Protein backbone atom coordinates (compact mmCIF):
# COMPACT_ATOMS: atom_id res chain seq x y z
CA UNK A 1 43.50 64.45 202.68
CA UNK A 2 44.36 68.47 202.07
CA UNK A 3 45.46 67.51 198.42
CA UNK A 4 42.30 65.40 198.17
CA UNK A 5 40.59 68.69 198.74
CA UNK A 6 42.13 70.48 196.64
CA UNK A 7 41.79 68.21 193.39
CA UNK A 8 38.28 67.47 194.31
CA UNK A 9 37.58 71.72 194.49
CA UNK A 10 39.75 72.84 191.46
CA UNK A 11 38.13 73.32 188.06
CA UNK A 12 38.13 70.39 186.03
CA UNK A 13 35.82 68.08 183.83
CA UNK A 14 34.06 67.09 186.74
CA UNK A 15 33.27 70.42 188.19
CA UNK A 16 31.31 71.24 184.55
CA UNK A 17 29.46 68.34 185.07
CA UNK A 18 28.27 68.91 188.25
CA UNK A 19 27.38 72.25 187.45
CA UNK A 20 25.65 70.81 184.39
CA UNK A 21 23.90 68.16 186.57
CA UNK A 22 23.37 70.91 189.04
CA UNK A 23 21.33 73.10 186.64
CA UNK A 24 19.72 70.47 184.42
CA UNK A 25 18.20 67.96 187.49
CA UNK A 26 18.55 70.22 190.30
CA UNK A 27 20.24 71.03 193.56
CA UNK A 28 19.78 67.84 195.12
CA UNK A 29 21.10 65.75 192.03
CA UNK A 30 24.37 68.41 191.93
CA UNK A 31 25.29 67.70 195.13
CA UNK A 32 24.62 63.86 195.12
CA UNK A 33 26.93 64.02 192.55
CA UNK A 34 29.09 66.06 193.78
CA UNK A 35 29.29 63.87 196.85
CA UNK A 36 30.18 61.02 194.97
CA UNK A 37 32.98 63.04 192.44
CA UNK A 38 34.20 63.97 196.27
CA UNK A 39 34.32 60.43 197.87
CA UNK A 40 36.05 59.46 194.68
CA UNK A 41 38.42 61.76 194.96
CA UNK A 42 39.09 60.67 198.09
CA UNK A 43 39.72 57.05 197.67
CA UNK A 44 41.83 57.30 194.93
CA UNK A 45 43.92 59.44 196.69
CA UNK A 46 44.40 56.89 200.08
CA UNK A 47 45.29 54.29 197.38
CA UNK A 48 48.12 56.51 196.26
CA UNK A 49 49.29 57.57 199.55
CA UNK A 50 48.66 53.72 200.67
CA UNK A 51 51.18 52.96 197.49
CA UNK A 52 48.31 50.50 196.63
CA UNK A 53 48.46 52.01 193.23
CA UNK A 54 51.27 49.62 192.75
CA UNK A 55 48.75 46.55 193.58
CA UNK A 56 46.26 47.81 191.19
CA UNK A 57 48.43 48.49 188.05
CA UNK A 58 49.91 44.63 188.49
CA UNK A 59 46.82 43.39 189.80
CA UNK A 60 44.00 44.02 187.26
CA UNK A 61 41.86 41.55 188.55
CA UNK A 62 41.35 43.61 191.71
CA UNK A 63 40.56 46.49 190.21
CA UNK A 64 37.44 44.72 188.64
CA UNK A 65 37.05 43.56 191.80
CA UNK A 66 37.03 47.38 193.76
CA UNK A 67 35.15 48.61 190.35
CA UNK A 68 31.65 46.56 191.10
CA UNK A 69 32.46 46.26 194.92
């Protein structure tokens, strides 16, 4: 969980996109976008921690199901 927090707040393309969204569309849209990036980071960190990355690599259909869920 700590590593997901560090990854979510580290500078990178997501940080730049969050800042650009907040500056162009307002604080609420920026916070909404940041929440989505944070949830995505937590989601993938949990998958990695639970070794479900192997499942996703072996079953691309499962990734498609998750993508549209």
